[in-house]
């Protein structure tokens, strides 16, 4: 698959002109639906859940702090949950703090609700939950937000399906995310070592600038270019001043 998934046999997906997921339908459950809205930066600002039978939708809106959501609000714009690096805080009638215990991927493996309560969570290598209990936190596997109705993982710019271990749409940055052209593969097939909470490029994949710098460095050393020639070559390739070892 190199485009946007339209159906997986259980769910049907709809997309906007910018290749963003805007709706999920559940053919086996008439009336049930999940819809998404975005801001001008492509960040997911509203998620609405319509129950089976077509009842009233329940909407949750999200306030963003840069490239991460920092607060969830109800339809009346009242804060319900705040997100921090260390965990989440419930802001409703019974405020409570939930602290994360995470692994090397950023997956939430423990949730500490009190000194004597620490719920445990496990996943298979590609993030499929190994327990049936409803998680206490919105964040779960590898820095992704749990989408409870569909079981999908929400990255900042894409949606991940742990059942098949792939993104359901191509990478928004194309070959800059995977130079081999595998635009829907998750973290280059290495979920044990890498994560990708943004949905663009795995944390261990060299950035485009790193790749460009490495290429320029190799060419300069092979040709024996001086510092001035290095800068001219680098500016032609990248449009930026070089930051290359041995030529500072």
C-alpha atoms as a PDB file:
ATOM      1  CA  UNK A   1       0.000   0.000   0.000  1.00  0.00           C
ATOM      2  CA  UNK A   2       1.441   3.397  -1.029  1.00  0.00           C
ATOM      3  CA  UNK A   3      -1.629   5.635  -0.738  1.00  0.00           C
ATOM      4  CA  UNK A   4      -4.350   6.138   1.849  1.00  0.00           C
ATOM      5  CA  UNK A   5      -6.147   3.065   3.132  1.00  0.00           C
ATOM      6  CA  UNK A   6      -9.884   3.193   2.399  1.00  0.00           C
ATOM      7  CA  UNK A   7     -10.953  -0.052   4.077  1.00  0.00           C
ATOM      8  CA  UNK A   8      -9.376  -2.844   6.098  1.00  0.00           C
ATOM      9  CA  UNK A   9     -12.411  -5.147   6.070  1.00  0.00           C
ATOM     10  CA  UNK A  10     -13.591  -3.936   9.478  1.00  0.00           C
ATOM     11  CA  UNK A  11     -13.409  -0.162   9.175  1.00  0.00           C
ATOM     12  CA  UNK A  12     -13.821   2.286   6.291  1.00  0.00           C
ATOM     13  CA  UNK A  13     -11.665   5.415   6.150  1.00  0.00           C
ATOM     14  CA  UNK A  14     -12.242   8.828   4.565  1.00  0.00           C
ATOM     15  CA  UNK A  15      -9.593  11.454   3.841  1.00  0.00           C
ATOM     16  CA  UNK A  16      -9.392  15.136   2.986  1.00  0.00           C
ATOM     17  CA  UNK A  17      -7.476  16.767   0.141  1.00  0.00           C
ATOM     18  CA  UNK A  18      -4.363  17.005   2.330  1.00  0.00           C
ATOM     19  CA  UNK A  19      -4.345  13.224   2.960  1.00  0.00           C
ATOM     20  CA  UNK A  20      -5.488  13.612   6.567  1.00  0.00           C
ATOM     21  CA  UNK A  21      -7.836  11.079   8.108  1.00  0.00           C
ATOM     22  CA  UNK A  22     -11.214  12.769   8.684  1.00  0.00           C
ATOM     23  CA  UNK A  23     -13.542   9.839   9.319  1.00  0.00           C
ATOM     24  CA  UNK A  24     -13.837   6.188  10.309  1.00  0.00           C
ATOM     25  CA  UNK A  25     -17.021   4.186   9.707  1.00  0.00           C
ATOM     26  CA  UNK A  26     -17.754   0.740  11.118  1.00  0.00           C
ATOM     27  CA  UNK A  27     -19.903  -1.178   8.581  1.00  0.00           C
ATOM     28  CA  UNK A  28     -20.718  -3.964  11.038  1.00  0.00           C
ATOM     29  CA  UNK A  29     -22.008  -1.397  13.574  1.00  0.00           C
ATOM     30  CA  UNK A  30     -24.476   0.949  11.830  1.00  0.00           C
ATOM     31  CA  UNK A  31     -24.366   4.527  13.039  1.00  0.00           C
ATOM     32  CA  UNK A  32     -21.030   4.227  14.799  1.00  0.00           C
ATOM     33  CA  UNK A  33     -18.453   6.722  13.551  1.00  0.00           C
ATOM     34  CA  UNK A  34     -15.285   8.566  14.505  1.00  0.00           C
ATOM     35  CA  UNK A  35     -14.445  11.923  12.927  1.00  0.00           C
ATOM     36  CA  UNK A  36     -11.399  14.194  13.090  1.00  0.00           C
ATOM     37  CA  UNK A  37     -10.757  17.903  12.506  1.00  0.00           C
ATOM     38  CA  UNK A  38      -7.435  19.718  12.093  1.00  0.00           C
ATOM     39  CA  UNK A  39      -5.902  23.160  12.371  1.00  0.00           C
ATOM     40  CA  UNK A  40      -3.888  24.951   9.707  1.00  0.00           C
ATOM     41  CA  UNK A  41      -0.692  23.214  10.832  1.00  0.00           C
ATOM     42  CA  UNK A  42      -2.170  19.748  10.335  1.00  0.00           C
ATOM     43  CA  UNK A  43      -2.568  19.065  14.053  1.00  0.00           C
ATOM     44  CA  UNK A  44      -5.586  17.048  15.173  1.00  0.00           C
ATOM     45  CA  UNK A  45      -7.795  19.474  17.114  1.00  0.00           C
ATOM     46  CA  UNK A  46     -11.081  17.574  17.523  1.00  0.00           C
ATOM     47  CA  UNK A  47     -12.080  13.924  17.759  1.00  0.00           C
ATOM     48  CA  UNK A  48     -15.807  13.086  17.783  1.00  0.00           C
ATOM     49  CA  UNK A  49     -17.301   9.691  18.601  1.00  0.00           C
ATOM     50  CA  UNK A  50     -20.809   8.782  17.469  1.00  0.00           C
ATOM     51  CA  UNK A  51     -22.178   5.650  19.189  1.00  0.00           C
ATOM     52  CA  UNK A  52     -23.852   2.711  17.480  1.00  0.00           C
ATOM     53  CA  UNK A  53     -27.342   3.561  16.320  1.00  0.00           C
ATOM     54  CA  UNK A  54     -26.383   7.147  15.499  1.00  0.00           C
ATOM     55  CA  UNK A  55     -26.853   8.867  18.862  1.00  0.00           C
ATOM     56  CA  UNK A  56     -25.384  12.222  19.795  1.00  0.00           C
ATOM     57  CA  UNK A  57     -21.672  12.540  19.077  1.00  0.00           C
ATOM     58  CA  UNK A  58     -19.254  13.185  21.937  1.00  0.00           C
ATOM     59  CA  UNK A  59     -16.506  15.609  20.926  1.00  0.00           C
ATOM     60  CA  UNK A  60     -13.117  16.173  22.526  1.00  0.00           C
ATOM     61  CA  UNK A  61     -10.977  19.121  21.463  1.00  0.00           C
ATOM     62  CA  UNK A  62      -7.224  19.396  21.935  1.00  0.00           C
ATOM     63  CA  UNK A  63      -4.998  22.342  22.788  1.00  0.00           C
ATOM     64  CA  UNK A  64      -1.516  22.022  21.351  1.00  0.00           C
ATOM     65  CA  UNK A  65       1.832  23.183  22.712  1.00  0.00           C
ATOM     66  CA  UNK A  66       4.058  23.027  19.673  1.00  0.00           C
ATOM     67  CA  UNK A  67       3.982  19.546  18.179  1.00  0.00           C
ATOM     68  CA  UNK A  68       2.380  17.818  21.194  1.00  0.00           C
ATOM     69  CA  UNK A  69      -1.116  18.093  22.684  1.00  0.00           C
ATOM     70  CA  UNK A  70      -1.078  19.570  26.171  1.00  0.00           C
ATOM     71  CA  UNK A  71      -4.779  19.600  27.075  1.00  0.00           C
ATOM     72  CA  UNK A  72      -8.072  17.865  26.213  1.00  0.00           C
ATOM     73  CA  UNK A  73     -11.378  19.715  26.537  1.00  0.00           C
ATOM     74  CA  UNK A  74     -15.044  18.723  26.370  1.00  0.00           C
ATOM     75  CA  UNK A  75     -17.739  20.137  24.055  1.00  0.00           C
ATOM     76  CA  UNK A  76     -18.240  23.052  26.466  1.00  0.00           C
ATOM     77  CA  UNK A  77     -14.526  23.888  26.173  1.00  0.00           C
ATOM     78  CA  UNK A  78     -13.919  22.854  29.769  1.00  0.00           C
ATOM     79  CA  UNK A  79     -10.472  21.298  30.410  1.00  0.00           C
ATOM     80  CA  UNK A  80     -10.748  17.595  31.185  1.00  0.00           C
ATOM     81  CA  UNK A  81      -7.206  16.307  30.991  1.00  0.00           C
ATOM     82  CA  UNK A  82      -3.715  17.815  30.878  1.00  0.00           C
ATOM     83  CA  UNK A  83      -0.695  16.091  29.330  1.00  0.00           C
ATOM     84  CA  UNK A  84       2.828  16.325  30.703  1.00  0.00           C
ATOM     85  CA  UNK A  85       6.082  14.531  30.032  1.00  0.00           C
ATOM     86  CA  UNK A  86       5.676  12.713  33.338  1.00  0.00           C
ATOM     87  CA  UNK A  87       2.021  11.755  32.924  1.00  0.00           C
ATOM     88  CA  UNK A  88      -1.532  13.063  32.769  1.00  0.00           C
ATOM     89  CA  UNK A  89      -3.755  14.991  35.146  1.00  0.00           C
ATOM     90  CA  UNK A  90      -7.531  14.564  35.207  1.00  0.00           C
ATOM     91  CA  UNK A  91      -9.178  17.946  35.606  1.00  0.00           C
ATOM     92  CA  UNK A  92     -12.828  17.003  36.106  1.00  0.00           C
ATOM     93  CA  UNK A  93     -14.815  16.662  39.311  1.00  0.00           C
ATOM     94  CA  UNK A  94     -12.310  14.205  40.769  1.00  0.00           C
ATOM     95  CA  UNK A  95      -8.857  15.529  39.872  1.00  0.00           C
ATOM     96  CA  UNK A  96      -6.115  12.969  39.934  1.00  0.00           C
ATOM     97  CA  UNK A  97      -2.556  12.686  38.705  1.00  0.00           C
ATOM     98  CA  UNK A  98      -1.447   9.673  36.677  1.00  0.00           C
ATOM     99  CA  UNK A  99       2.307   9.171  36.363  1.00  0.00           C
ATOM    100  CA  UNK A 100       3.910   7.181  33.555  1.00  0.00           C
ATOM    101  CA  UNK A 101       6.359   4.348  33.849  1.00  0.00           C
ATOM    102  CA  UNK A 102       7.789   4.120  30.319  1.00  0.00           C
ATOM    103  CA  UNK A 103      10.177   1.852  28.450  1.00  0.00           C
ATOM    104  CA  UNK A 104      12.928   2.759  25.959  1.00  0.00           C
ATOM    105  CA  UNK A 105      10.342   3.446  23.230  1.00  0.00           C
ATOM    106  CA  UNK A 106       8.256   5.791  25.325  1.00  0.00           C
ATOM    107  CA  UNK A 107       5.509   3.184  25.700  1.00  0.00           C
ATOM    108  CA  UNK A 108       3.473   3.534  28.876  1.00  0.00           C
ATOM    109  CA  UNK A 109       4.099   0.286  30.743  1.00  0.00           C
ATOM    110  CA  UNK A 110       2.959   1.364  34.214  1.00  0.00           C
ATOM    111  CA  UNK A 111       0.482   3.987  35.377  1.00  0.00           C
ATOM    112  CA  UNK A 112       0.954   5.146  38.958  1.00  0.00           C
ATOM    113  CA  UNK A 113      -2.333   6.472  40.308  1.00  0.00           C
ATOM    114  CA  UNK A 114      -1.251   6.305  43.968  1.00  0.00           C
ATOM    115  CA  UNK A 115       1.634   4.964  46.069  1.00  0.00           C
ATOM    116  CA  UNK A 116      -0.115   1.574  46.165  1.00  0.00           C
ATOM    117  CA  UNK A 117      -1.646   1.469  42.653  1.00  0.00           C
ATOM    118  CA  UNK A 118       0.411   0.871  39.508  1.00  0.00           C
ATOM    119  CA  UNK A 119      -1.515  -0.695  36.629  1.00  0.00           C
ATOM    120  CA  UNK A 120       0.678  -2.621  34.178  1.00  0.00           C
ATOM    121  CA  UNK A 121       0.406  -2.618  30.378  1.00  0.00           C
ATOM    122  CA  UNK A 122       2.083  -4.824  27.791  1.00  0.00           C
ATOM    123  CA  UNK A 123       2.281  -4.766  23.999  1.00  0.00           C
ATOM    124  CA  UNK A 124       3.503  -7.060  21.279  1.00  0.00           C
ATOM    125  CA  UNK A 125       6.535  -5.783  19.298  1.00  0.00           C
ATOM    126  CA  UNK A 126       4.341  -3.722  16.962  1.00  0.00           C
ATOM    127  CA  UNK A 127       2.199  -2.215  19.706  1.00  0.00           C
ATOM    128  CA  UNK A 128      -0.866  -4.441  19.888  1.00  0.00           C
ATOM    129  CA  UNK A 129      -2.071  -4.412  23.525  1.00  0.00           C
ATOM    130  CA  UNK A 130      -1.770  -7.757  25.274  1.00  0.00           C
ATOM    131  CA  UNK A 131      -4.450  -6.977  27.865  1.00  0.00           C
ATOM    132  CA  UNK A 132      -8.156  -6.258  27.452  1.00  0.00           C
ATOM    133  CA  UNK A 133      -8.502  -3.687  30.240  1.00  0.00           C
ATOM    134  CA  UNK A 134      -9.212  -0.083  29.256  1.00  0.00           C
ATOM    135  CA  UNK A 135      -6.053   2.012  29.740  1.00  0.00           C
ATOM    136  CA  UNK A 136      -6.121   4.789  32.314  1.00  0.00           C
ATOM    137  CA  UNK A 137      -4.089   7.183  30.173  1.00  0.00           C
ATOM    138  CA  UNK A 138      -4.646   8.565  26.675  1.00  0.00           C
ATOM    139  CA  UNK A 139      -1.036   7.909  25.681  1.00  0.00           C
ATOM    140  CA  UNK A 140       0.058   4.310  25.267  1.00  0.00           C
ATOM    141  CA  UNK A 141       2.400   2.577  22.844  1.00  0.00           C
ATOM    142  CA  UNK A 142       5.561   4.403  21.694  1.00  0.00           C
ATOM    143  CA  UNK A 143       4.320   7.935  22.328  1.00  0.00           C
ATOM    144  CA  UNK A 144       1.064   7.488  20.383  1.00  0.00           C
ATOM    145  CA  UNK A 145      -2.410   8.459  21.584  1.00  0.00           C
ATOM    146  CA  UNK A 146      -4.851   5.590  21.985  1.00  0.00           C
ATOM    147  CA  UNK A 147      -7.959   5.939  19.825  1.00  0.00           C
ATOM    148  CA  UNK A 148     -10.346   3.707  21.787  1.00  0.00           C
ATOM    149  CA  UNK A 149     -13.111   3.065  19.229  1.00  0.00           C
ATOM    150  CA  UNK A 150     -10.833   1.971  16.401  1.00  0.00           C
ATOM    151  CA  UNK A 151      -7.827   0.665  18.329  1.00  0.00           C
ATOM    152  CA  UNK A 152      -5.530   2.841  16.216  1.00  0.00           C
ATOM    153  CA  UNK A 153      -2.545   4.854  17.425  1.00  0.00           C
ATOM    154  CA  UNK A 154      -2.569   8.580  16.689  1.00  0.00           C
ATOM    155  CA  UNK A 155       0.757  10.202  15.879  1.00  0.00           C
ATOM    156  CA  UNK A 156       0.981  13.943  15.308  1.00  0.00           C
ATOM    157  CA  UNK A 157       0.687  13.690  11.529  1.00  0.00           C
ATOM    158  CA  UNK A 158      -0.426  10.121  10.790  1.00  0.00           C
ATOM    159  CA  UNK A 159      -2.392   7.152  12.100  1.00  0.00           C
ATOM    160  CA  UNK A 160      -0.868   3.780  12.969  1.00  0.00           C
ATOM    161  CA  UNK A 161      -2.533   0.350  12.982  1.00  0.00           C
ATOM    162  CA  UNK A 162      -0.810  -2.024  15.444  1.00  0.00           C
ATOM    163  CA  UNK A 163      -2.751  -4.995  14.065  1.00  0.00           C
ATOM    164  CA  UNK A 164      -0.720  -4.897  10.869  1.00  0.00           C
ATOM    165  CA  UNK A 165       2.267  -2.853  12.090  1.00  0.00           C
ATOM    166  CA  UNK A 166       1.915  -0.146   9.424  1.00  0.00           C
ATOM    167  CA  UNK A 167       0.752   3.414   8.944  1.00  0.00           C
ATOM    168  CA  UNK A 168      -2.576   3.653   7.130  1.00  0.00           C
ATOM    169  CA  UNK A 169      -1.375   6.487   4.880  1.00  0.00           C
ATOM    170  CA  UNK A 170       1.853   7.376   3.120  1.00  0.00           C
ATOM    171  CA  UNK A 171       4.502   9.502   4.778  1.00  0.00           C
ATOM    172  CA  UNK A 172       3.701  13.235   4.421  1.00  0.00           C
ATOM    173  CA  UNK A 173       7.394  13.978   3.834  1.00  0.00           C
ATOM    174  CA  UNK A 174       7.789  11.228   1.223  1.00  0.00           C
ATOM    175  CA  UNK A 175      11.319  10.029   0.535  1.00  0.00           C
ATOM    176  CA  UNK A 176      12.748  12.249   3.251  1.00  0.00           C
ATOM    177  CA  UNK A 177      11.124   9.838   5.719  1.00  0.00           C
ATOM    178  CA  UNK A 178      12.168   6.661   3.894  1.00  0.00           C
ATOM    179  CA  UNK A 179      14.601   6.849   0.997  1.00  0.00           C
ATOM    180  CA  UNK A 180      13.737   3.269   0.015  1.00  0.00           C
ATOM    181  CA  UNK A 181      10.212   4.385  -0.861  1.00  0.00           C
ATOM    182  CA  UNK A 182       8.443   2.357   1.845  1.00  0.00           C
ATOM    183  CA  UNK A 183       6.083   5.198   2.704  1.00  0.00           C
ATOM    184  CA  UNK A 184       3.787   3.200   5.009  1.00  0.00           C
ATOM    185  CA  UNK A 185       6.326   1.024   6.842  1.00  0.00           C
ATOM    186  CA  UNK A 186       6.649   1.676  10.564  1.00  0.00           C
ATOM    187  CA  UNK A 187      10.154   2.636  11.864  1.00  0.00           C
ATOM    188  CA  UNK A 188      11.932   0.762   9.074  1.00  0.00           C
ATOM    189  CA  UNK A 189      10.635  -2.562  10.420  1.00  0.00           C
ATOM    190  CA  UNK A 190      12.471  -2.203  13.737  1.00  0.00           C
ATOM    191  CA  UNK A 191       9.799  -1.481  16.384  1.00  0.00           C
ATOM    192  CA  UNK A 192      11.913  -2.954  19.178  1.00  0.00           C
ATOM    193  CA  UNK A 193      14.504  -0.181  18.864  1.00  0.00           C
ATOM    194  CA  UNK A 194      12.744   2.809  17.277  1.00  0.00           C
ATOM    195  CA  UNK A 195       9.626   4.912  17.625  1.00  0.00           C
ATOM    196  CA  UNK A 196       7.967   7.662  15.598  1.00  0.00           C
ATOM    197  CA  UNK A 197       5.502   9.728  17.664  1.00  0.00           C
ATOM    198  CA  UNK A 198       5.285  12.392  14.948  1.00  0.00           C
ATOM    199  CA  UNK A 199       4.491   9.971  12.124  1.00  0.00           C
ATOM    200  CA  UNK A 200       7.249  11.343   9.904  1.00  0.00           C
ATOM    201  CA  UNK A 201      10.559   9.592  10.530  1.00  0.00           C
ATOM    202  CA  UNK A 202      11.804   7.164  13.165  1.00  0.00           C
ATOM    203  CA  UNK A 203      13.952   8.603  15.941  1.00  0.00           C
ATOM    204  CA  UNK A 204      17.008   6.643  14.793  1.00  0.00           C
ATOM    205  CA  UNK A 205      16.686   7.538  11.100  1.00  0.00           C
ATOM    206  CA  UNK A 206      19.180  10.226  10.056  1.00  0.00           C
ATOM    207  CA  UNK A 207      17.515  13.529   9.263  1.00  0.00           C
ATOM    208  CA  UNK A 208      17.710  15.004   5.793  1.00  0.00           C
ATOM    209  CA  UNK A 209      20.372  17.509   6.947  1.00  0.00           C
ATOM    210  CA  UNK A 210      22.449  14.732   8.480  1.00  0.00           C
ATOM    211  CA  UNK A 211      22.346  12.789   5.237  1.00  0.00           C
ATOM    212  CA  UNK A 212      23.279  15.881   3.219  1.00  0.00           C
ATOM    213  CA  UNK A 213      26.168  16.731   5.550  1.00  0.00           C
ATOM    214  CA  UNK A 214      27.515  13.190   5.349  1.00  0.00           C
ATOM    215  CA  UNK A 215      27.378  13.305   1.546  1.00  0.00           C
ATOM    216  CA  UNK A 216      29.178  16.655   1.385  1.00  0.00           C
ATOM    217  CA  UNK A 217      31.788  15.524   3.893  1.00  0.00           C
ATOM    218  CA  UNK A 218      32.601  12.437   1.829  1.00  0.00           C
ATOM    219  CA  UNK A 219      32.882  14.432  -1.419  1.00  0.00           C
ATOM    220  CA  UNK A 220      35.100  17.105   0.134  1.00  0.00           C
ATOM    221  CA  UNK A 221      37.527  14.622   1.633  1.00  0.00           C
ATOM    222  CA  UNK A 222      37.744  12.679  -1.621  1.00  0.00           C
ATOM    223  CA  UNK A 223      38.445  15.823  -3.693  1.00  0.00           C
ATOM    224  CA  UNK A 224      40.693  17.463  -1.089  1.00  0.00           C
ATOM    225  CA  UNK A 225      38.695  20.702  -1.106  1.00  0.00           C
ATOM    226  CA  UNK A 226      39.696  23.630   1.080  1.00  0.00           C
ATOM    227  CA  UNK A 227      37.364  25.396   3.525  1.00  0.00           C
ATOM    228  CA  UNK A 228      36.152  27.999   1.028  1.00  0.00           C
ATOM    229  CA  UNK A 229      35.443  25.378  -1.617  1.00  0.00           C
ATOM    230  CA  UNK A 230      33.636  23.292   0.997  1.00  0.00           C
ATOM    231  CA  UNK A 231      31.285  26.155   1.838  1.00  0.00           C
ATOM    232  CA  UNK A 232      30.492  26.811  -1.828  1.00  0.00           C
ATOM    233  CA  UNK A 233      29.735  23.148  -2.465  1.00  0.00           C
ATOM    234  CA  UNK A 234      27.640  22.776   0.679  1.00  0.00           C
ATOM    235  CA  UNK A 235      25.619  25.921  -0.117  1.00  0.00           C
ATOM    236  CA  UNK A 236      24.886  24.610  -3.596  1.00  0.00           C
ATOM    237  CA  UNK A 237      23.571  21.296  -2.236  1.00  0.00           C
ATOM    238  CA  UNK A 238      21.749  22.366   0.908  1.00  0.00           C
ATOM    239  CA  UNK A 239      21.458  26.137   0.860  1.00  0.00           C
ATOM    240  CA  UNK A 240      22.870  26.150   4.401  1.00  0.00           C
ATOM    241  CA  UNK A 241      26.268  26.657   5.952  1.00  0.00           C
ATOM    242  CA  UNK A 242      27.965  23.344   6.744  1.00  0.00           C
ATOM    243  CA  UNK A 243      28.302  21.740  10.143  1.00  0.00           C
ATOM    244  CA  UNK A 244      30.725  18.981   9.266  1.00  0.00           C
ATOM    245  CA  UNK A 245      33.383  17.425  11.426  1.00  0.00           C
ATOM    246  CA  UNK A 246      36.896  18.450  10.522  1.00  0.00           C
ATOM    247  CA  UNK A 247      35.826  21.606   8.630  1.00  0.00           C
ATOM    248  CA  UNK A 248      34.533  23.919  11.384  1.00  0.00           C
END
